[in-house]
Amino acid sequence: MKITTNNNFHLTYCSNIHPGESWLEVFANLEKYITELKSRLSPTEPFGIGLRLANVAAKELLQKNNLAQFQDWLTQQDLYVFTLNGFPYGGFHRQVVKDQVYAPDWSTQERVNYTLNLAQILATLLPEGLDGGISTLPLSYKPWWVKDQASSETVLKKSCLNIALVVVEMIRISEETGKILHIDLEPEPDGLIENTSEVIDFYQNWLLPISGNYLSEKLNIEQRLAETKLLEHVRICYDTCHFSVEYEQPNSVFTRLQSEGIKIGKIQISAAIQVKIPAEFEKRNLIVERLRPFAESTYLHQVIERRSDGTLHHYPDLITALPHLEQSLAEEWRTHFHVPIFIHDYQILQSTQDDIATVLHLLQTNNACSYLEIETYTWDVLPSEMKIDLLTSIQREYEWVLKELAAN
């Protein structure tokens, strides 16, 4: 939905919250939820969709006349697609996902082919006058490569060349249709790029020189122009949960990225769990008990603790972190678990909701990004006390965002 404030925003939610990998399953969810949400939230104005398509669904949508039929349905329902979630390649619900959400990574041809299919779909569906982003993984999963620098560098180089292949296609689409598409890399804890410093390092030392050289030779253009095109077509998906878990301040992130010419293609609105750790060890057992229901078996829930000297310590998953809490030197834990954005306090736990409010406030005066996508994909695995029926829960998240934007 389009929101007119100091800046014009397009607000949606990501359909990755709904189980279903085939196109028929995806479309059934859109019919069930999107049309009803539009009637509740935007009955007389166009309503945006943040569409998640697994590799299977993307292939099926491109078969026969499925895409044309979907486009007709969007027009009939007064709906539009302006962003795709191309992070999870395969199954994402009701199975063990964990680190396999990063596979296949950007060093593989499978990831290239999948993203090219998404680009073809988005180029067809994207309304005139809007650019379109495809959010994707932060190249790969860092623990797979961290112990082998040579392999890590190989993955980085291959990723840059594969991203360049997709950018070439996006440039062709732009020249033929006038529509600008971009890959939106999504930093997150334990991703191969996970924070602002690593994003900047990747652009400066890998993406711009390696991908730029490929584009320069492929398109017969100067290196500087190739790098300009890369900055246009390779952007960042700023997930508010992920940057909060990294203890990064939104204003600092925005400023540093903008100073390097790195654009934000999409803001994903999500909240992490945070909890202050008492100094008394005997009081920590209660925190462990409150966190235990979130240590579930489907997704990775990376934990970063901040110690009194400001240093950060990483745990790969909440389920492996909990046994260390009693003797931890931490003063605070933040956990990558997307909790409802309208909840600030839950028992003795809190969320990073304040960072979302800060981001929405900054966007009113900063033109960093106009695309907002609510992404609480964890409804199936949340404690029952934190949720009601799914449709109402999604509506409450929209209403919280709209209220925050109006207040700013």
Protein backbone atom coordinates (compact mmCIF):
# COMPACT_ATOMS: atom_id res chain seq x y z
CA MET A 1 0.00 0.00 0.00
CA LYS A 2 1.20 3.49 -0.76
CA ILE A 3 1.59 5.80 2.22
CA THR A 4 1.93 9.54 1.75
CA THR A 5 3.82 11.27 4.56
CA ASN A 6 6.95 13.41 4.28
CA ASN A 7 8.12 10.70 1.88
CA ASN A 8 6.02 8.33 -0.17
CA PHE A 9 6.37 4.76 1.08
CA HIS A 10 5.20 1.43 -0.25
CA LEU A 11 4.33 -0.90 2.62
CA THR A 12 3.75 -4.63 2.38
CA TYR A 13 4.37 -7.84 4.28
CA CYS A 14 6.46 -10.73 3.06
CA SER A 15 4.48 -13.76 2.00
CA ASN A 16 7.27 -16.02 3.29
CA ILE A 17 5.24 -16.24 6.49
CA HIS A 18 2.89 -18.67 4.73
CA PRO A 19 3.91 -22.33 4.25
CA GLY A 20 3.96 -23.48 0.64
CA GLU A 21 6.66 -23.99 -1.95
CA SER A 22 4.65 -24.66 -5.13
CA TRP A 23 2.98 -21.90 -7.15
CA LEU A 24 -0.48 -23.30 -6.42
CA GLU A 25 0.22 -23.14 -2.68
CA VAL A 26 1.60 -19.61 -2.94
CA PHE A 27 -1.38 -18.39 -4.93
CA ALA A 28 -3.86 -20.04 -2.54
CA ASN A 29 -2.30 -18.08 0.33
CA LEU A 30 -2.48 -14.84 -1.63
CA GLU A 31 -6.16 -15.40 -2.34
CA LYS A 32 -6.86 -16.24 1.29
CA TYR A 33 -4.91 -13.49 3.03
CA ILE A 34 -4.01 -10.66 0.66
CA THR A 35 -7.51 -9.93 -0.58
CA GLU A 36 -8.92 -9.86 2.95
CA LEU A 37 -6.10 -7.65 4.23
CA LYS A 38 -6.68 -5.23 1.37
CA SER A 39 -10.37 -4.97 2.27
CA ARG A 40 -9.43 -4.19 5.87
CA LEU A 41 -6.47 -1.88 5.32
CA SER A 42 -6.71 -0.36 1.84
CA PRO A 43 -10.19 -0.93 0.41
CA THR A 44 -10.08 1.87 -2.17
CA GLU A 45 -6.36 2.09 -2.99
CA PRO A 46 -3.89 -0.35 -4.59
CA PHE A 47 -2.35 -2.82 -2.15
CA GLY A 48 1.25 -4.05 -2.47
CA ILE A 49 2.54 -7.60 -2.20
CA GLY A 50 5.96 -8.70 -0.96
CA LEU A 51 6.11 -11.96 -2.86
CA ARG A 52 8.23 -14.90 -1.76
CA LEU A 53 8.75 -17.55 -4.40
CA ALA A 54 10.79 -20.69 -3.81
CA ASN A 55 12.72 -22.05 -6.78
CA VAL A 56 9.92 -24.52 -7.53
CA ALA A 57 7.24 -21.81 -7.51
CA ALA A 58 9.31 -19.47 -9.68
CA LYS A 59 9.78 -22.15 -12.33
CA GLU A 60 6.08 -23.04 -12.27
CA LEU A 61 5.00 -19.41 -12.53
CA LEU A 62 7.05 -19.09 -15.72
CA GLN A 63 5.37 -22.09 -17.32
CA LYS A 64 2.48 -21.89 -19.82
CA ASN A 65 0.44 -18.70 -19.24
CA ASN A 66 0.64 -18.75 -15.43
CA LEU A 67 2.43 -15.40 -15.20
CA ALA A 68 -0.05 -13.66 -17.51
CA GLN A 69 -2.96 -15.09 -15.53
CA PHE A 70 -1.40 -13.90 -12.27
CA GLN A 71 -0.86 -10.45 -13.74
CA ASP A 72 -4.53 -10.31 -14.76
CA TRP A 73 -5.56 -11.37 -11.24
CA LEU A 74 -3.43 -8.61 -9.71
CA THR A 75 -5.10 -6.04 -11.94
CA GLN A 76 -8.59 -7.32 -11.11
CA GLN A 77 -7.89 -7.24 -7.37
CA ASP A 78 -6.12 -3.84 -7.47
CA LEU A 79 -2.87 -5.38 -6.21
CA TYR A 80 0.73 -4.83 -7.25
CA VAL A 81 4.11 -6.53 -6.71
CA PHE A 82 7.17 -4.35 -6.13
CA THR A 83 9.54 -6.65 -4.25
CA LEU A 84 10.42 -10.35 -4.19
CA ASN A 85 12.04 -12.38 -1.44
CA GLY A 86 14.66 -14.55 -3.11
CA PHE A 87 16.54 -15.57 0.05
CA PRO A 88 15.20 -19.09 0.81
CA TYR A 89 15.68 -21.24 -2.29
CA GLY A 90 13.69 -24.24 -1.08
CA GLY A 91 11.54 -25.38 1.83
CA PHE A 92 11.08 -22.78 4.56
CA HIS A 93 8.35 -24.10 6.86
CA ARG A 94 7.50 -27.21 8.87
CA GLN A 95 10.90 -28.80 8.35
CA VAL A 96 14.43 -28.30 9.66
CA VAL A 97 15.84 -25.28 7.84
CA LYS A 98 18.72 -24.02 10.01
CA ASP A 99 21.87 -23.26 7.98
CA GLN A 100 20.44 -24.82 4.81
CA VAL A 101 18.58 -21.56 4.24
CA TYR A 102 21.91 -20.37 2.78
CA ALA A 103 22.07 -23.17 0.22
CA PRO A 104 22.65 -22.97 -2.64
CA ASP A 105 24.77 -19.90 -2.02
CA TRP A 106 25.96 -17.21 -4.43
CA SER A 107 28.98 -19.24 -5.51
CA THR A 108 26.66 -21.66 -7.35
CA GLN A 109 24.94 -21.62 -10.72
CA GLU A 110 21.70 -22.74 -9.03
CA ARG A 111 21.50 -19.41 -7.19
CA VAL A 112 22.14 -17.52 -10.43
CA ASN A 113 19.43 -19.39 -12.33
CA TYR A 114 16.92 -18.93 -9.52
CA THR A 115 17.55 -15.20 -9.30
CA LEU A 116 17.36 -14.79 -13.08
CA ASN A 117 13.93 -16.43 -12.99
CA LEU A 118 12.86 -14.03 -10.26
CA ALA A 119 14.14 -11.09 -12.30
CA GLN A 120 12.07 -12.20 -15.29
CA ILE A 121 8.97 -12.46 -13.11
CA LEU A 122 9.50 -9.11 -11.41
CA ALA A 123 10.21 -7.32 -14.70
CA THR A 124 6.80 -8.49 -15.92
CA LEU A 125 4.83 -7.69 -12.77
CA LEU A 126 6.48 -4.42 -11.71
CA PRO A 127 4.27 -1.37 -12.28
CA GLU A 128 5.58 1.49 -14.39
CA GLY A 129 7.41 4.12 -12.39
CA LEU A 130 8.66 1.79 -9.65
CA ASP A 131 12.01 0.05 -9.30
CA GLY A 132 11.95 -3.55 -8.09
CA GLY A 133 14.14 -5.38 -5.60
CA ILE A 134 14.93 -9.05 -5.05
CA SER A 135 16.22 -9.61 -1.53
CA THR A 136 18.75 -12.40 -1.26
CA LEU A 137 21.17 -14.05 1.13
CA PRO A 138 24.40 -12.35 2.27
CA LEU A 139 26.40 -14.46 -0.20
CA SER A 140 26.84 -17.52 2.02
CA TYR A 141 27.04 -18.80 5.61
CA LYS A 142 30.23 -17.66 7.33
CA PRO A 143 30.81 -20.74 9.54
CA TRP A 144 31.10 -22.88 6.40
CA TRP A 145 34.22 -20.95 5.37
CA VAL A 146 35.66 -19.11 8.36
CA LYS A 147 38.36 -21.70 9.10
CA ASP A 148 39.66 -21.70 5.53
CA GLN A 149 40.64 -18.28 4.20
CA ALA A 150 41.43 -19.58 0.72
CA SER A 151 37.98 -21.17 0.38
CA SER A 152 36.34 -18.03 1.75
CA GLU A 153 38.09 -15.89 -0.84
CA THR A 154 37.11 -18.33 -3.58
CA VAL A 155 33.45 -18.09 -2.54
CA LEU A 156 33.65 -14.28 -2.49
CA LYS A 157 35.18 -14.16 -5.97
CA LYS A 158 32.69 -16.65 -7.44
CA SER A 159 29.83 -14.76 -5.80
CA CYS A 160 30.96 -11.49 -7.37
CA LEU A 161 31.13 -13.04 -10.83
CA ASN A 162 27.73 -14.67 -10.42
CA ILE A 163 26.16 -11.45 -9.19
CA ALA A 164 27.63 -9.74 -12.25
CA LEU A 165 25.85 -12.27 -14.48
CA VAL A 166 22.52 -11.27 -12.97
CA VAL A 167 23.35 -7.57 -13.18
CA VAL A 168 24.03 -7.93 -16.91
CA GLU A 169 20.49 -9.27 -17.32
CA MET A 170 19.07 -6.48 -15.15
CA ILE A 171 20.85 -3.91 -17.31
CA ARG A 172 19.33 -5.51 -20.41
CA ILE A 173 15.88 -5.39 -18.81
CA SER A 174 16.38 -1.72 -17.94
CA GLU A 175 17.40 -0.85 -21.49
CA GLU A 176 14.45 -2.71 -23.03
CA THR A 177 11.68 -1.83 -20.57
CA GLY A 178 12.86 1.19 -18.59
CA LYS A 179 12.34 -0.81 -15.37
CA ILE A 180 15.19 -0.80 -12.85
CA LEU A 181 15.68 -4.05 -10.94
CA HIS A 182 18.17 -4.64 -8.15
CA ILE A 183 19.56 -7.46 -6.05
CA ASP A 184 19.21 -6.59 -2.36
CA LEU A 185 21.84 -8.39 -0.30
CA GLU A 186 20.54 -9.05 3.22
CA PRO A 187 23.23 -8.97 5.93
CA GLU A 188 22.48 -11.03 9.01
CA PRO A 189 24.37 -12.60 11.93
CA ASP A 190 26.81 -15.27 10.70
CA GLY A 191 26.17 -14.38 7.07
CA LEU A 192 29.32 -14.04 5.01
CA ILE A 193 28.56 -10.33 5.17
CA GLU A 194 26.74 -9.54 8.40
CA ASN A 195 27.30 -5.92 9.44
CA THR A 196 27.99 -2.49 7.98
CA SER A 197 31.78 -2.79 8.06
CA GLU A 198 31.64 -6.11 6.22
CA VAL A 199 29.19 -4.70 3.67
CA ILE A 200 31.52 -1.80 2.90
CA ASP A 201 34.55 -4.10 2.73
CA PHE A 202 32.70 -6.38 0.32
CA TYR A 203 31.74 -3.54 -1.99
CA GLN A 204 35.17 -1.87 -1.94
CA ASN A 205 37.43 -4.91 -2.15
CA TRP A 206 35.33 -7.50 -3.95
CA LEU A 207 32.14 -6.43 -5.70
CA LEU A 208 33.22 -3.19 -7.38
CA PRO A 209 36.65 -4.35 -8.63
CA ILE A 210 35.77 -7.95 -9.58
CA SER A 211 32.19 -7.54 -10.81
CA GLY A 212 33.11 -4.15 -12.24
CA ASN A 213 35.90 -5.66 -14.31
CA TYR A 214 33.52 -8.33 -15.62
CA LEU A 215 30.88 -5.76 -16.59
CA SER A 216 33.49 -3.51 -18.16
CA GLU A 217 34.69 -6.30 -20.45
CA LYS A 218 31.26 -7.81 -21.09
CA LEU A 219 29.54 -4.52 -21.94
CA ASN A 220 32.61 -2.75 -23.35
CA ILE A 221 32.31 0.16 -20.96
CA GLU A 222 34.73 1.98 -18.68
CA GLN A 223 35.37 0.50 -15.23
CA ARG A 224 33.95 3.59 -13.54
CA LEU A 225 30.66 3.30 -15.43
CA ALA A 226 30.55 -0.42 -14.64
CA GLU A 227 30.90 0.36 -10.94
CA THR A 228 28.12 2.96 -11.18
CA LYS A 229 25.84 0.35 -12.69
CA LEU A 230 26.73 -2.10 -9.92
CA LEU A 231 25.78 0.46 -7.27
CA GLU A 232 22.44 0.87 -9.04
CA HIS A 233 21.67 -2.83 -9.35
CA VAL A 234 23.24 -4.28 -6.18
CA ARG A 235 21.78 -2.79 -3.02
CA ILE A 236 21.26 -3.75 0.61
CA CYS A 237 18.17 -5.18 2.26
CA TYR A 238 18.20 -3.54 5.69
CA ASP A 239 16.49 -5.96 8.07
CA THR A 240 15.86 -4.09 11.31
CA CYS A 241 16.06 -7.30 13.38
CA HIS A 242 19.43 -8.29 11.92
CA PHE A 243 21.13 -4.94 12.43
CA SER A 244 19.72 -4.73 15.96
CA VAL A 245 21.17 -8.14 16.83
CA GLU A 246 24.51 -6.72 15.64
CA TYR A 247 24.05 -3.74 18.05
CA GLU A 248 24.28 -1.26 15.18
CA GLN A 249 22.59 2.12 15.39
CA PRO A 250 20.31 2.87 12.41
CA ASN A 251 21.55 6.42 11.90
CA SER A 252 25.16 5.24 11.79
CA VAL A 253 24.34 2.48 9.29
CA PHE A 254 22.45 4.85 7.00
CA THR A 255 25.21 7.45 7.13
CA ARG A 256 28.04 5.00 6.46
CA LEU A 257 26.28 3.30 3.56
CA GLN A 258 25.30 6.58 1.95
CA SER A 259 28.87 7.89 2.25
CA GLU A 260 30.01 4.89 0.17
CA GLY A 261 27.26 5.28 -2.43
CA ILE A 262 25.64 2.01 -1.33
CA LYS A 263 21.87 2.12 -1.68
CA ILE A 264 19.25 0.44 0.47
CA GLY A 265 16.79 -1.40 -1.77
CA LYS A 266 14.33 -2.46 0.91
CA ILE A 267 13.73 -2.08 4.64
CA GLN A 268 12.50 -5.29 6.23
CA ILE A 269 10.60 -4.46 9.40
CA SER A 270 11.23 -7.08 12.06
CA ALA A 271 12.06 -7.26 15.76
CA ALA A 272 14.59 -9.38 17.64
CA ILE A 273 14.50 -10.61 21.23
CA GLN A 274 16.66 -8.69 23.66
CA VAL A 275 17.20 -9.23 27.36
CA LYS A 276 19.36 -7.57 29.99
CA ILE A 277 21.47 -10.13 31.86
CA PRO A 278 21.64 -9.61 35.64
CA ALA A 279 25.02 -9.79 37.32
CA GLU A 280 23.73 -12.27 39.90
CA PHE A 281 24.14 -15.74 38.45
CA GLU A 282 21.27 -17.17 40.48
CA LYS A 283 18.81 -14.83 38.72
CA ARG A 284 19.78 -16.07 35.29
CA ASN A 285 17.89 -19.36 35.51
CA LEU A 286 14.61 -17.52 35.02
CA ILE A 287 15.93 -15.91 31.82
CA VAL A 288 16.97 -19.33 30.55
CA GLU A 289 13.46 -20.64 31.19
CA ARG A 290 11.85 -17.69 29.42
CA LEU A 291 14.13 -18.09 26.40
CA ARG A 292 13.83 -21.87 26.17
CA PRO A 293 10.53 -21.88 24.16
CA PHE A 294 12.29 -19.83 21.47
CA ALA A 295 15.08 -22.42 21.07
CA GLU A 296 13.13 -24.34 18.45
CA SER A 297 14.31 -26.71 15.75
CA THR A 298 13.24 -25.06 12.48
CA TYR A 299 15.32 -21.92 12.08
CA LEU A 300 18.71 -20.64 13.16
CA HIS A 301 18.39 -18.15 16.02
CA GLN A 302 21.84 -16.64 16.29
CA VAL A 303 22.70 -14.93 19.59
CA ILE A 304 25.11 -12.04 20.07
CA GLU A 305 25.98 -11.02 23.60
CA ARG A 306 27.43 -7.67 24.57
CA ARG A 307 29.80 -7.58 27.47
CA SER A 308 30.49 -4.72 29.86
CA ASP A 309 33.62 -3.72 27.92
CA GLY A 310 31.56 -3.40 24.74
CA THR A 311 32.92 -6.53 23.06
CA LEU A 312 30.55 -8.87 21.28
CA HIS A 313 30.48 -12.66 21.49
CA HIS A 314 28.59 -14.81 18.98
CA TYR A 315 26.68 -18.04 19.46
CA PRO A 316 25.52 -19.86 16.30
CA ASP A 317 22.06 -20.73 17.68
CA LEU A 318 19.96 -20.09 20.77
CA ILE A 319 19.70 -23.80 21.49
CA THR A 320 23.50 -24.01 21.82
CA ALA A 321 23.81 -20.65 23.60
CA LEU A 322 21.46 -21.30 26.54
CA PRO A 323 23.80 -23.63 28.46
CA HIS A 324 26.37 -20.81 28.57
CA LEU A 325 24.10 -18.11 30.00
CA GLU A 326 24.63 -18.87 33.68
CA GLN A 327 28.40 -18.28 33.50
CA SER A 328 28.35 -15.73 30.68
CA LEU A 329 30.12 -12.39 31.03
CA ALA A 330 27.28 -10.74 29.11
CA GLU A 331 25.27 -7.72 30.16
CA GLU A 332 22.82 -8.19 27.28
CA TRP A 333 21.74 -10.87 24.80
CA ARG A 334 20.08 -10.25 21.45
CA THR A 335 18.61 -13.17 19.56
CA HIS A 336 17.74 -13.48 15.88
CA PHE A 337 14.14 -14.54 16.36
CA HIS A 338 11.56 -12.45 14.53
CA VAL A 339 8.94 -11.66 17.15
CA PRO A 340 5.75 -9.65 16.49
CA ILE A 341 6.68 -6.03 15.93
CA PHE A 342 3.76 -4.74 18.03
CA ILE A 343 5.14 -6.44 21.17
CA HIS A 344 7.79 -4.56 23.15
CA ASP A 345 7.75 -6.54 26.40
CA TYR A 346 7.09 -10.23 26.88
CA GLN A 347 7.38 -11.45 30.47
CA ILE A 348 10.98 -10.52 31.41
CA LEU A 349 12.08 -10.30 27.77
CA GLN A 350 11.99 -7.31 25.47
CA SER A 351 12.14 -6.79 21.73
CA THR A 352 14.17 -4.39 19.60
CA GLN A 353 11.00 -2.55 18.63
CA ASP A 354 12.64 0.79 19.51
CA ASP A 355 15.09 0.36 16.63
CA ILE A 356 12.19 -0.07 14.20
CA ALA A 357 10.66 3.17 15.47
CA THR A 358 14.02 4.88 15.02
CA VAL A 359 14.32 3.64 11.44
CA LEU A 360 10.80 4.78 10.55
CA HIS A 361 11.54 8.18 12.06
CA LEU A 362 14.80 8.52 10.10
CA LEU A 363 13.08 7.63 6.86
CA GLN A 364 10.74 10.59 7.19
CA THR A 365 13.63 12.98 6.56
CA ASN A 366 16.13 10.64 4.91
CA ASN A 367 15.54 9.35 1.39
CA ALA A 368 17.42 6.12 2.12
CA CYS A 369 14.55 3.87 1.02
CA SER A 370 10.82 3.99 0.32
CA TYR A 371 10.08 0.24 0.33
CA LEU A 372 8.94 -1.23 3.65
CA GLU A 373 8.25 -4.94 4.14
CA ILE A 374 6.99 -6.46 7.39
CA GLU A 375 8.74 -9.80 7.88
CA THR A 376 7.63 -11.76 10.91
CA TYR A 377 7.90 -15.24 9.39
CA THR A 378 7.91 -17.17 12.68
CA TRP A 379 4.20 -17.39 13.52
CA ASP A 380 4.25 -21.20 13.33
CA VAL A 381 6.99 -21.48 15.95
CA LEU A 382 6.11 -18.61 18.31
CA PRO A 383 4.91 -19.36 21.85
CA SER A 384 1.11 -19.48 21.78
CA GLU A 385 0.84 -16.54 24.19
CA MET A 386 2.35 -14.20 21.58
CA LYS A 387 -0.17 -14.73 18.81
CA ILE A 388 -3.82 -14.87 17.90
CA ASP A 389 -5.20 -15.85 14.50
CA LEU A 390 -2.77 -15.15 11.67
CA LEU A 391 -4.89 -12.69 9.70
CA THR A 392 -5.48 -10.49 12.74
CA SER A 393 -1.81 -10.73 13.71
CA ILE A 394 -0.70 -9.49 10.28
CA GLN A 395 -3.26 -6.69 10.45
CA ARG A 396 -1.95 -5.63 13.88
CA GLU A 397 1.57 -5.40 12.46
CA TYR A 398 0.40 -3.15 9.64
CA GLU A 399 -1.51 -0.97 12.06
CA TRP A 400 1.50 -0.62 14.34
CA VAL A 401 3.67 0.54 11.42
CA LEU A 402 1.02 2.96 10.17
CA LYS A 403 0.67 4.43 13.65
CA GLU A 404 4.44 4.90 13.96
CA LEU A 405 4.67 6.58 10.56
CA ALA A 406 1.79 8.90 11.44
CA ALA A 407 3.42 9.79 14.76
CA ASN A 408 6.63 10.79 13.01
